mmCIF file of all heavy atoms, coordinates in Angstrom:
data_MODEL
# 
_entry.id   MODEL 
# 
loop_
_atom_site.group_PDB 
_atom_site.id 
_atom_site.type_symbol 
_atom_site.label_atom_id 
_atom_site.label_alt_id 
_atom_site.label_comp_id 
_atom_site.label_asym_id 
_atom_site.label_entity_id 
_atom_site.label_seq_id 
_atom_site.pdbx_PDB_ins_code 
_atom_site.Cartn_x 
_atom_site.Cartn_y 
_atom_site.Cartn_z 
_atom_site.occupancy 
_atom_site.B_iso_or_equiv 
_atom_site.pdbx_formal_charge 
_atom_site.auth_seq_id 
_atom_site.auth_comp_id 
_atom_site.auth_asym_id 
_atom_site.auth_atom_id 
_atom_site.pdbx_PDB_model_num 
ATOM 1   N N   . PHE A 1 1  ? -60.549 35.911 64.577 1.00 0.00 ? 1  PHE A N   1 
ATOM 2   C CA  . PHE A 1 1  ? -61.761 35.772 65.369 1.00 0.00 ? 1  PHE A CA  1 
ATOM 3   C C   . PHE A 1 1  ? -62.177 37.135 65.871 1.00 0.00 ? 1  PHE A C   1 
ATOM 4   O O   . PHE A 1 1  ? -61.358 37.867 66.436 1.00 0.00 ? 1  PHE A O   1 
ATOM 5   C CB  . PHE A 1 1  ? -61.516 34.830 66.545 1.00 0.00 ? 1  PHE A CB  1 
ATOM 6   C CG  . PHE A 1 1  ? -62.769 34.414 67.259 1.00 0.00 ? 1  PHE A CG  1 
ATOM 7   C CD1 . PHE A 1 1  ? -63.561 33.406 66.732 1.00 0.00 ? 1  PHE A CD1 1 
ATOM 8   C CD2 . PHE A 1 1  ? -63.164 35.025 68.436 1.00 0.00 ? 1  PHE A CD2 1 
ATOM 9   C CE1 . PHE A 1 1  ? -64.731 33.004 67.389 1.00 0.00 ? 1  PHE A CE1 1 
ATOM 10  C CE2 . PHE A 1 1  ? -64.323 34.634 69.084 1.00 0.00 ? 1  PHE A CE2 1 
ATOM 11  C CZ  . PHE A 1 1  ? -65.106 33.625 68.556 1.00 0.00 ? 1  PHE A CZ  1 
ATOM 12  N N   . GLU A 1 2  ? -63.408 37.494 65.643 1.00 0.00 ? 2  GLU A N   1 
ATOM 13  C CA  . GLU A 1 2  ? -63.966 38.751 66.143 1.00 0.00 ? 2  GLU A CA  1 
ATOM 14  C C   . GLU A 1 2  ? -63.158 39.981 65.728 1.00 0.00 ? 2  GLU A C   1 
ATOM 15  O O   . GLU A 1 2  ? -62.682 40.754 66.549 1.00 0.00 ? 2  GLU A O   1 
ATOM 16  C CB  . GLU A 1 2  ? -64.092 38.713 67.663 1.00 0.00 ? 2  GLU A CB  1 
ATOM 17  C CG  . GLU A 1 2  ? -65.098 37.700 68.151 1.00 0.00 ? 2  GLU A CG  1 
ATOM 18  C CD  . GLU A 1 2  ? -65.211 37.707 69.665 1.00 0.00 ? 2  GLU A CD  1 
ATOM 19  O OE1 . GLU A 1 2  ? -64.537 38.519 70.333 1.00 0.00 ? 2  GLU A OE1 1 
ATOM 20  O OE2 . GLU A 1 2  ? -65.971 36.891 70.173 1.00 0.00 ? 2  GLU A OE2 1 
ATOM 21  N N   . GLN A 1 3  ? -62.992 40.157 64.420 1.00 0.00 ? 3  GLN A N   1 
ATOM 22  C CA  . GLN A 1 3  ? -62.309 41.353 63.933 1.00 0.00 ? 3  GLN A CA  1 
ATOM 23  C C   . GLN A 1 3  ? -63.138 42.587 64.252 1.00 0.00 ? 3  GLN A C   1 
ATOM 24  O O   . GLN A 1 3  ? -64.314 42.643 63.948 1.00 0.00 ? 3  GLN A O   1 
ATOM 25  C CB  . GLN A 1 3  ? -62.081 41.255 62.416 1.00 0.00 ? 3  GLN A CB  1 
ATOM 26  C CG  . GLN A 1 3  ? -61.113 40.170 61.999 1.00 0.00 ? 3  GLN A CG  1 
ATOM 27  C CD  . GLN A 1 3  ? -61.785 38.851 61.700 1.00 0.00 ? 3  GLN A CD  1 
ATOM 28  O OE1 . GLN A 1 3  ? -62.920 38.622 62.106 1.00 0.00 ? 3  GLN A OE1 1 
ATOM 29  N NE2 . GLN A 1 3  ? -61.107 37.969 60.993 1.00 0.00 ? 3  GLN A NE2 1 
ATOM 30  N N   . HIS A 1 4  ? -62.512 43.576 64.848 1.00 0.00 ? 4  HIS A N   1 
ATOM 31  C CA  . HIS A 1 4  ? -63.180 44.826 65.201 1.00 0.00 ? 4  HIS A CA  1 
ATOM 32  C C   . HIS A 1 4  ? -62.566 45.969 64.389 1.00 0.00 ? 4  HIS A C   1 
ATOM 33  O O   . HIS A 1 4  ? -62.590 45.933 63.176 1.00 0.00 ? 4  HIS A O   1 
ATOM 34  C CB  . HIS A 1 4  ? -63.100 45.056 66.709 1.00 0.00 ? 4  HIS A CB  1 
ATOM 35  C CG  . HIS A 1 4  ? -63.946 44.104 67.494 1.00 0.00 ? 4  HIS A CG  1 
ATOM 36  N ND1 . HIS A 1 4  ? -63.810 43.890 68.845 1.00 0.00 ? 4  HIS A ND1 1 
ATOM 37  C CD2 . HIS A 1 4  ? -64.956 43.280 67.101 1.00 0.00 ? 4  HIS A CD2 1 
ATOM 38  C CE1 . HIS A 1 4  ? -64.693 42.983 69.260 1.00 0.00 ? 4  HIS A CE1 1 
ATOM 39  N NE2 . HIS A 1 4  ? -65.394 42.603 68.218 1.00 0.00 ? 4  HIS A NE2 1 
ATOM 40  N N   . GLY A 1 5  ? -62.020 46.989 65.035 1.00 0.00 ? 5  GLY A N   1 
ATOM 41  C CA  . GLY A 1 5  ? -61.493 48.130 64.298 1.00 0.00 ? 5  GLY A CA  1 
ATOM 42  C C   . GLY A 1 5  ? -60.201 47.825 63.565 1.00 0.00 ? 5  GLY A C   1 
ATOM 43  O O   . GLY A 1 5  ? -59.408 46.970 63.977 1.00 0.00 ? 5  GLY A O   1 
ATOM 44  N N   . ALA A 1 6  ? -59.968 48.556 62.465 1.00 0.00 ? 6  ALA A N   1 
ATOM 45  C CA  . ALA A 1 6  ? -58.743 48.399 61.674 1.00 0.00 ? 6  ALA A CA  1 
ATOM 46  C C   . ALA A 1 6  ? -58.299 49.770 61.171 1.00 0.00 ? 6  ALA A C   1 
ATOM 47  O O   . ALA A 1 6  ? -59.107 50.699 61.063 1.00 0.00 ? 6  ALA A O   1 
ATOM 48  C CB  . ALA A 1 6  ? -58.963 47.450 60.503 1.00 0.00 ? 6  ALA A CB  1 
ATOM 49  N N   . ALA A 1 7  ? -57.002 49.892 60.836 1.00 0.00 ? 7  ALA A N   1 
ATOM 50  C CA  . ALA A 1 7  ? -56.488 51.176 60.337 1.00 0.00 ? 7  ALA A CA  1 
ATOM 51  C C   . ALA A 1 7  ? -55.283 50.941 59.437 1.00 0.00 ? 7  ALA A C   1 
ATOM 52  O O   . ALA A 1 7  ? -54.386 50.142 59.757 1.00 0.00 ? 7  ALA A O   1 
ATOM 53  C CB  . ALA A 1 7  ? -56.098 52.089 61.493 1.00 0.00 ? 7  ALA A CB  1 
ATOM 54  N N   . TRP A 1 8  ? -55.269 51.650 58.296 1.00 0.00 ? 8  TRP A N   1 
ATOM 55  C CA  . TRP A 1 8  ? -54.156 51.611 57.360 1.00 0.00 ? 8  TRP A CA  1 
ATOM 56  C C   . TRP A 1 8  ? -53.105 52.642 57.765 1.00 0.00 ? 8  TRP A C   1 
ATOM 57  O O   . TRP A 1 8  ? -53.421 53.720 58.267 1.00 0.00 ? 8  TRP A O   1 
ATOM 58  C CB  . TRP A 1 8  ? -54.624 51.934 55.952 1.00 0.00 ? 8  TRP A CB  1 
ATOM 59  C CG  . TRP A 1 8  ? -55.593 50.969 55.339 1.00 0.00 ? 8  TRP A CG  1 
ATOM 60  C CD1 . TRP A 1 8  ? -56.958 50.964 55.480 1.00 0.00 ? 8  TRP A CD1 1 
ATOM 61  C CD2 . TRP A 1 8  ? -55.282 49.880 54.471 1.00 0.00 ? 8  TRP A CD2 1 
ATOM 62  N NE1 . TRP A 1 8  ? -57.505 49.932 54.751 1.00 0.00 ? 8  TRP A NE1 1 
ATOM 63  C CE2 . TRP A 1 8  ? -56.503 49.248 54.118 1.00 0.00 ? 8  TRP A CE2 1 
ATOM 64  C CE3 . TRP A 1 8  ? -54.086 49.369 53.946 1.00 0.00 ? 8  TRP A CE3 1 
ATOM 65  C CZ2 . TRP A 1 8  ? -56.562 48.150 53.276 1.00 0.00 ? 8  TRP A CZ2 1 
ATOM 66  C CZ3 . TRP A 1 8  ? -54.144 48.272 53.101 1.00 0.00 ? 8  TRP A CZ3 1 
ATOM 67  C CH2 . TRP A 1 8  ? -55.367 47.667 52.772 1.00 0.00 ? 8  TRP A CH2 1 
ATOM 68  N N   . ALA A 1 9  ? -51.819 52.324 57.470 1.00 0.00 ? 9  ALA A N   1 
ATOM 69  C CA  . ALA A 1 9  ? -50.732 53.285 57.673 1.00 0.00 ? 9  ALA A CA  1 
ATOM 70  C C   . ALA A 1 9  ? -49.461 52.707 57.054 1.00 0.00 ? 9  ALA A C   1 
ATOM 71  O O   . ALA A 1 9  ? -49.267 51.488 57.039 1.00 0.00 ? 9  ALA A O   1 
ATOM 72  C CB  . ALA A 1 9  ? -50.503 53.571 59.150 1.00 0.00 ? 9  ALA A CB  1 
ATOM 73  N N   . ASP A 1 10 ? -48.597 53.573 56.559 1.00 0.00 ? 10 ASP A N   1 
ATOM 74  C CA  . ASP A 1 10 ? -47.289 53.151 56.073 1.00 0.00 ? 10 ASP A CA  1 
ATOM 75  C C   . ASP A 1 10 ? -46.330 53.154 57.256 1.00 0.00 ? 10 ASP A C   1 
ATOM 76  O O   . ASP A 1 10 ? -45.549 54.082 57.444 1.00 0.00 ? 10 ASP A O   1 
ATOM 77  C CB  . ASP A 1 10 ? -46.813 54.091 54.966 1.00 0.00 ? 10 ASP A CB  1 
ATOM 78  C CG  . ASP A 1 10 ? -45.466 53.691 54.379 1.00 0.00 ? 10 ASP A CG  1 
ATOM 79  O OD1 . ASP A 1 10 ? -44.976 52.589 54.717 1.00 0.00 ? 10 ASP A OD1 1 
ATOM 80  O OD2 . ASP A 1 10 ? -44.892 54.484 53.611 1.00 0.00 ? 10 ASP A OD2 1 
ATOM 81  N N   . PHE A 1 11 ? -46.378 52.103 58.068 1.00 0.00 ? 11 PHE A N   1 
ATOM 82  C CA  . PHE A 1 11 ? -45.644 52.093 59.334 1.00 0.00 ? 11 PHE A CA  1 
ATOM 83  C C   . PHE A 1 11 ? -44.134 52.035 59.120 1.00 0.00 ? 11 PHE A C   1 
ATOM 84  O O   . PHE A 1 11 ? -43.352 52.507 59.962 1.00 0.00 ? 11 PHE A O   1 
ATOM 85  C CB  . PHE A 1 11 ? -46.099 50.904 60.197 1.00 0.00 ? 11 PHE A CB  1 
ATOM 86  C CG  . PHE A 1 11 ? -45.352 49.632 59.939 1.00 0.00 ? 11 PHE A CG  1 
ATOM 87  C CD1 . PHE A 1 11 ? -44.317 49.227 60.780 1.00 0.00 ? 11 PHE A CD1 1 
ATOM 88  C CD2 . PHE A 1 11 ? -45.651 48.839 58.838 1.00 0.00 ? 11 PHE A CD2 1 
ATOM 89  C CE1 . PHE A 1 11 ? -43.616 48.060 60.536 1.00 0.00 ? 11 PHE A CE1 1 
ATOM 90  C CE2 . PHE A 1 11 ? -44.965 47.671 58.593 1.00 0.00 ? 11 PHE A CE2 1 
ATOM 91  C CZ  . PHE A 1 11 ? -43.940 47.273 59.437 1.00 0.00 ? 11 PHE A CZ  1 
ATOM 92  N N   . ASP A 1 12 ? -43.685 51.435 58.008 1.00 0.00 ? 12 ASP A N   1 
ATOM 93  C CA  . ASP A 1 12 ? -42.252 51.246 57.780 1.00 0.00 ? 12 ASP A CA  1 
ATOM 94  C C   . ASP A 1 12 ? -41.671 52.218 56.759 1.00 0.00 ? 12 ASP A C   1 
ATOM 95  O O   . ASP A 1 12 ? -40.522 52.069 56.328 1.00 0.00 ? 12 ASP A O   1 
ATOM 96  C CB  . ASP A 1 12 ? -41.966 49.806 57.346 1.00 0.00 ? 12 ASP A CB  1 
ATOM 97  C CG  . ASP A 1 12 ? -42.859 49.338 56.201 1.00 0.00 ? 12 ASP A CG  1 
ATOM 98  O OD1 . ASP A 1 12 ? -43.630 50.176 55.673 1.00 0.00 ? 12 ASP A OD1 1 
ATOM 99  O OD2 . ASP A 1 12 ? -42.803 48.153 55.847 1.00 0.00 ? 12 ASP A OD2 1 
ATOM 100 N N   . ASN A 1 13 ? -42.459 53.222 56.359 1.00 0.00 ? 13 ASN A N   1 
ATOM 101 C CA  . ASN A 1 13 ? -41.987 54.267 55.450 1.00 0.00 ? 13 ASN A CA  1 
ATOM 102 C C   . ASN A 1 13 ? -41.420 53.711 54.148 1.00 0.00 ? 13 ASN A C   1 
ATOM 103 O O   . ASN A 1 13 ? -40.451 54.257 53.598 1.00 0.00 ? 13 ASN A O   1 
ATOM 104 C CB  . ASN A 1 13 ? -40.929 55.140 56.143 1.00 0.00 ? 13 ASN A CB  1 
ATOM 105 C CG  . ASN A 1 13 ? -41.467 55.903 57.328 1.00 0.00 ? 13 ASN A CG  1 
ATOM 106 O OD1 . ASN A 1 13 ? -42.672 56.150 57.438 1.00 0.00 ? 13 ASN A OD1 1 
ATOM 107 N ND2 . ASN A 1 13 ? -40.589 56.276 58.255 1.00 0.00 ? 13 ASN A ND2 1 
ATOM 108 N N   . ASP A 1 14 ? -42.045 52.652 53.613 1.00 0.00 ? 14 ASP A N   1 
ATOM 109 C CA  . ASP A 1 14 ? -41.561 52.080 52.360 1.00 0.00 ? 14 ASP A CA  1 
ATOM 110 C C   . ASP A 1 14 ? -42.418 52.486 51.164 1.00 0.00 ? 14 ASP A C   1 
ATOM 111 O O   . ASP A 1 14 ? -42.225 51.988 50.052 1.00 0.00 ? 14 ASP A O   1 
ATOM 112 C CB  . ASP A 1 14 ? -41.479 50.559 52.448 1.00 0.00 ? 14 ASP A CB  1 
ATOM 113 C CG  . ASP A 1 14 ? -42.845 49.893 52.592 1.00 0.00 ? 14 ASP A CG  1 
ATOM 114 O OD1 . ASP A 1 14 ? -43.848 50.616 52.834 1.00 0.00 ? 14 ASP A OD1 1 
ATOM 115 O OD2 . ASP A 1 14 ? -42.923 48.658 52.485 1.00 0.00 ? 14 ASP A OD2 1 
ATOM 116 N N   . GLY A 1 15 ? -43.403 53.375 51.386 1.00 0.00 ? 15 GLY A N   1 
ATOM 117 C CA  . GLY A 1 15 ? -44.191 53.911 50.290 1.00 0.00 ? 15 GLY A CA  1 
ATOM 118 C C   . GLY A 1 15 ? -45.504 53.225 50.032 1.00 0.00 ? 15 GLY A C   1 
ATOM 119 O O   . GLY A 1 15 ? -46.271 53.671 49.168 1.00 0.00 ? 15 GLY A O   1 
ATOM 120 N N   . ASP A 1 16 ? -45.814 52.131 50.751 1.00 0.00 ? 16 ASP A N   1 
ATOM 121 C CA  . ASP A 1 16 ? -47.137 51.518 50.611 1.00 0.00 ? 16 ASP A CA  1 
ATOM 122 C C   . ASP A 1 16 ? -47.792 51.392 51.977 1.00 0.00 ? 16 ASP A C   1 
ATOM 123 O O   . ASP A 1 16 ? -47.136 51.460 53.019 1.00 0.00 ? 16 ASP A O   1 
ATOM 124 C CB  . ASP A 1 16 ? -47.071 50.157 49.898 1.00 0.00 ? 16 ASP A CB  1 
ATOM 125 C CG  . ASP A 1 16 ? -46.137 49.168 50.593 1.00 0.00 ? 16 ASP A CG  1 
ATOM 126 O OD1 . ASP A 1 16 ? -46.014 49.221 51.830 1.00 0.00 ? 16 ASP A OD1 1 
ATOM 127 O OD2 . ASP A 1 16 ? -45.529 48.333 49.892 1.00 0.00 ? 16 ASP A OD2 1 
ATOM 128 N N   . GLN A 1 17 ? -49.118 51.231 51.963 1.00 0.00 ? 17 GLN A N   1 
ATOM 129 C CA  . GLN A 1 17 ? -49.868 51.220 53.215 1.00 0.00 ? 17 GLN A CA  1 
ATOM 130 C C   . GLN A 1 17 ? -50.040 49.792 53.740 1.00 0.00 ? 17 GLN A C   1 
ATOM 131 O O   . GLN A 1 17 ? -50.355 48.869 52.984 1.00 0.00 ? 17 GLN A O   1 
ATOM 132 C CB  . GLN A 1 17 ? -51.235 51.875 53.012 1.00 0.00 ? 17 GLN A CB  1 
ATOM 133 C CG  . GLN A 1 17 ? -51.148 53.367 52.746 1.00 0.00 ? 17 GLN A CG  1 
ATOM 134 C CD  . GLN A 1 17 ? -52.494 54.053 52.827 1.00 0.00 ? 17 GLN A CD  1 
ATOM 135 O OE1 . GLN A 1 17 ? -53.524 53.423 52.778 1.00 0.00 ? 17 GLN A OE1 1 
ATOM 136 N NE2 . GLN A 1 17 ? -52.468 55.369 52.953 1.00 0.00 ? 17 GLN A NE2 1 
ATOM 137 N N   . ASP A 1 18 ? -49.840 49.663 55.039 1.00 0.00 ? 18 ASP A N   1 
ATOM 138 C CA  . ASP A 1 18 ? -50.029 48.409 55.741 1.00 0.00 ? 18 ASP A CA  1 
ATOM 139 C C   . ASP A 1 18 ? -51.280 48.515 56.599 1.00 0.00 ? 18 ASP A C   1 
ATOM 140 O O   . ASP A 1 18 ? -51.876 49.589 56.719 1.00 0.00 ? 18 ASP A O   1 
ATOM 141 C CB  . ASP A 1 18 ? -48.782 48.115 56.589 1.00 0.00 ? 18 ASP A CB  1 
ATOM 142 C CG  . ASP A 1 18 ? -47.495 48.312 55.792 1.00 0.00 ? 18 ASP A CG  1 
ATOM 143 O OD1 . ASP A 1 18 ? -47.208 47.474 54.927 1.00 0.00 ? 18 ASP A OD1 1 
ATOM 144 O OD2 . ASP A 1 18 ? -46.807 49.321 56.019 1.00 0.00 ? 18 ASP A OD2 1 
ATOM 145 N N   . LEU A 1 19 ? -51.686 47.426 57.234 1.00 0.00 ? 19 LEU A N   1 
ATOM 146 C CA  . LEU A 1 19 ? -52.983 47.409 57.921 1.00 0.00 ? 19 LEU A CA  1 
ATOM 147 C C   . LEU A 1 19 ? -52.885 46.655 59.232 1.00 0.00 ? 19 LEU A C   1 
ATOM 148 O O   . LEU A 1 19 ? -52.376 45.532 59.279 1.00 0.00 ? 19 LEU A O   1 
ATOM 149 C CB  . LEU A 1 19 ? -54.029 46.740 57.026 1.00 0.00 ? 19 LEU A CB  1 
ATOM 150 C CG  . LEU A 1 19 ? -55.440 46.600 57.602 1.00 0.00 ? 19 LEU A CG  1 
ATOM 151 C CD1 . LEU A 1 19 ? -56.165 47.947 57.557 1.00 0.00 ? 19 LEU A CD1 1 
ATOM 152 C CD2 . LEU A 1 19 ? -56.245 45.561 56.838 1.00 0.00 ? 19 LEU A CD2 1 
ATOM 153 N N   . ILE A 1 20 ? -53.392 47.265 60.303 1.00 0.00 ? 20 ILE A N   1 
ATOM 154 C CA  . ILE A 1 20 ? -53.548 46.539 61.562 1.00 0.00 ? 20 ILE A CA  1 
ATOM 155 C C   . ILE A 1 20 ? -55.024 46.293 61.803 1.00 0.00 ? 20 ILE A C   1 
ATOM 156 O O   . ILE A 1 20 ? -55.847 47.205 61.679 1.00 0.00 ? 20 ILE A O   1 
ATOM 157 C CB  . ILE A 1 20 ? -52.897 47.282 62.743 1.00 0.00 ? 20 ILE A CB  1 
ATOM 158 C CG1 . ILE A 1 20 ? -52.955 46.395 63.993 1.00 0.00 ? 20 ILE A CG1 1 
ATOM 159 C CG2 . ILE A 1 20 ? -53.536 48.648 62.996 1.00 0.00 ? 20 ILE A CG2 1 
ATOM 160 C CD1 . ILE A 1 20 ? -52.083 46.880 65.130 1.00 0.00 ? 20 ILE A CD1 1 
ATOM 161 N N   . GLN A 1 21 ? -55.367 45.036 62.098 1.00 0.00 ? 21 GLN A N   1 
ATOM 162 C CA  . GLN A 1 21 ? -56.736 44.619 62.380 1.00 0.00 ? 21 GLN A CA  1 
ATOM 163 C C   . GLN A 1 21 ? -56.805 44.158 63.829 1.00 0.00 ? 21 GLN A C   1 
ATOM 164 O O   . GLN A 1 21 ? -56.145 43.204 64.223 1.00 0.00 ? 21 GLN A O   1 
ATOM 165 C CB  . GLN A 1 21 ? -57.146 43.479 61.446 1.00 0.00 ? 21 GLN A CB  1 
ATOM 166 C CG  . GLN A 1 21 ? -58.454 42.789 61.794 1.00 0.00 ? 21 GLN A CG  1 
ATOM 167 C CD  . GLN A 1 21 ? -59.663 43.690 61.608 1.00 0.00 ? 21 GLN A CD  1 
ATOM 168 O OE1 . GLN A 1 21 ? -60.027 44.027 60.495 1.00 0.00 ? 21 GLN A OE1 1 
ATOM 169 N NE2 . GLN A 1 21 ? -60.291 44.080 62.714 1.00 0.00 ? 21 GLN A NE2 1 
ATOM 170 N N   . ILE A 1 22 ? -57.621 44.866 64.628 1.00 0.00 ? 22 ILE A N   1 
ATOM 171 C CA  . ILE A 1 22 ? -57.736 44.533 66.047 1.00 0.00 ? 22 ILE A CA  1 
ATOM 172 C C   . ILE A 1 22 ? -58.792 43.443 66.235 1.00 0.00 ? 22 ILE A C   1 
ATOM 173 O O   . ILE A 1 22 ? -59.853 43.463 65.613 1.00 0.00 ? 22 ILE A O   1 
ATOM 174 C CB  . ILE A 1 22 ? -58.100 45.787 66.864 1.00 0.00 ? 22 ILE A CB  1 
ATOM 175 C CG1 . ILE A 1 22 ? -57.082 46.891 66.593 1.00 0.00 ? 22 ILE A CG1 1 
ATOM 176 C CG2 . ILE A 1 22 ? -58.147 45.454 68.350 1.00 0.00 ? 22 ILE A CG2 1 
ATOM 177 C CD1 . ILE A 1 22 ? -55.649 46.511 66.860 1.00 0.00 ? 22 ILE A CD1 1 
ATOM 178 N N   . VAL A 1 23 ? -58.492 42.491 67.129 1.00 0.00 ? 23 VAL A N   1 
ATOM 179 C CA  . VAL A 1 23 ? -59.339 41.322 67.335 1.00 0.00 ? 23 VAL A CA  1 
ATOM 180 C C   . VAL A 1 23 ? -59.884 41.330 68.758 1.00 0.00 ? 23 VAL A C   1 
ATOM 181 O O   . VAL A 1 23 ? -59.184 41.694 69.712 1.00 0.00 ? 23 VAL A O   1 
ATOM 182 C CB  . VAL A 1 23 ? -58.545 40.030 67.063 1.00 0.00 ? 23 VAL A CB  1 
ATOM 183 C CG1 . VAL A 1 23 ? -59.370 38.788 67.396 1.00 0.00 ? 23 VAL A CG1 1 
ATOM 184 C CG2 . VAL A 1 23 ? -58.106 39.988 65.599 1.00 0.00 ? 23 VAL A CG2 1 
ATOM 185 N N   . GLY A 1 24 ? -61.143 40.917 68.914 1.00 0.00 ? 24 GLY A N   1 
ATOM 186 C CA  . GLY A 1 24 ? -61.796 40.878 70.217 1.00 0.00 ? 24 GLY A CA  1 
ATOM 187 C C   . GLY A 1 24 ? -61.303 39.749 71.099 1.00 0.00 ? 24 GLY A C   1 
ATOM 188 O O   . GLY A 1 24 ? -60.494 38.916 70.684 1.00 0.00 ? 24 GLY A O   1 
ATOM 189 N N   . GLY A 1 25 ? -61.827 39.703 72.322 1.00 0.00 ? 25 GLY A N   1 
ATOM 190 C CA  . GLY A 1 25 ? -61.332 38.755 73.315 1.00 0.00 ? 25 GLY A CA  1 
ATOM 191 C C   . GLY A 1 25 ? -62.084 37.454 73.393 1.00 0.00 ? 25 GLY A C   1 
ATOM 192 O O   . GLY A 1 25 ? -62.004 36.761 74.410 1.00 0.00 ? 25 GLY A O   1 
ATOM 193 N N   . GLY A 1 26 ? -62.810 37.060 72.369 1.00 0.00 ? 26 GLY A N   1 
ATOM 194 C CA  . GLY A 1 26 ? -63.492 35.766 72.403 1.00 0.00 ? 26 GLY A CA  1 
ATOM 195 C C   . GLY A 1 26 ? -64.508 35.671 73.517 1.00 0.00 ? 26 GLY A C   1 
ATOM 196 O O   . GLY A 1 26 ? -64.315 34.938 74.490 1.00 0.00 ? 26 GLY A O   1 
ATOM 197 N N   . LEU A 1 27 ? -65.617 36.429 73.371 1.00 0.00 ? 27 LEU A N   1 
ATOM 198 C CA  . LEU A 1 27 ? -66.677 36.473 74.387 1.00 0.00 ? 27 LEU A CA  1 
ATOM 199 C C   . LEU A 1 27 ? -66.128 36.883 75.748 1.00 0.00 ? 27 LEU A C   1 
ATOM 200 O O   . LEU A 1 27 ? -66.535 36.376 76.786 1.00 0.00 ? 27 LEU A O   1 
ATOM 201 C CB  . LEU A 1 27 ? -67.389 35.120 74.474 1.00 0.00 ? 27 LEU A CB  1 
ATOM 202 C CG  . LEU A 1 27 ? -67.890 34.563 73.133 1.00 0.00 ? 27 LEU A CG  1 
ATOM 203 C CD1 . LEU A 1 27 ? -68.663 33.278 73.362 1.00 0.00 ? 27 LEU A CD1 1 
ATOM 204 C CD2 . LEU A 1 27 ? -68.759 35.579 72.418 1.00 0.00 ? 27 LEU A CD2 1 
ATOM 205 N N   . GLU A 1 28 ? -65.137 37.796 75.725 1.00 0.00 ? 28 GLU A N   1 
ATOM 206 C CA  . GLU A 1 28 ? -64.542 38.412 76.909 1.00 0.00 ? 28 GLU A CA  1 
ATOM 207 C C   . GLU A 1 28 ? -63.613 37.490 77.689 1.00 0.00 ? 28 GLU A C   1 
ATOM 208 O O   . GLU A 1 28 ? -63.046 37.872 78.699 1.00 0.00 ? 28 GLU A O   1 
ATOM 209 C CB  . GLU A 1 28 ? -65.630 38.946 77.864 1.00 0.00 ? 28 GLU A CB  1 
ATOM 210 C CG  . GLU A 1 28 ? -66.552 39.954 77.217 1.00 0.00 ? 28 GLU A CG  1 
ATOM 211 C CD  . GLU A 1 28 ? -67.592 40.494 78.178 1.00 0.00 ? 28 GLU A CD  1 
ATOM 212 O OE1 . GLU A 1 28 ? -67.639 40.036 79.322 1.00 0.00 ? 28 GLU A OE1 1 
ATOM 213 O OE2 . GLU A 1 28 ? -68.338 41.397 77.771 1.00 0.00 ? 28 GLU A OE2 1 
# 
């Protein structure tokens, strides 16, 4: 619900990129 900013990164150092998707607060 309400996907906003996102960013790729290899957080676990396993050689591939993972993704965090930040979600809004549902009309605050």
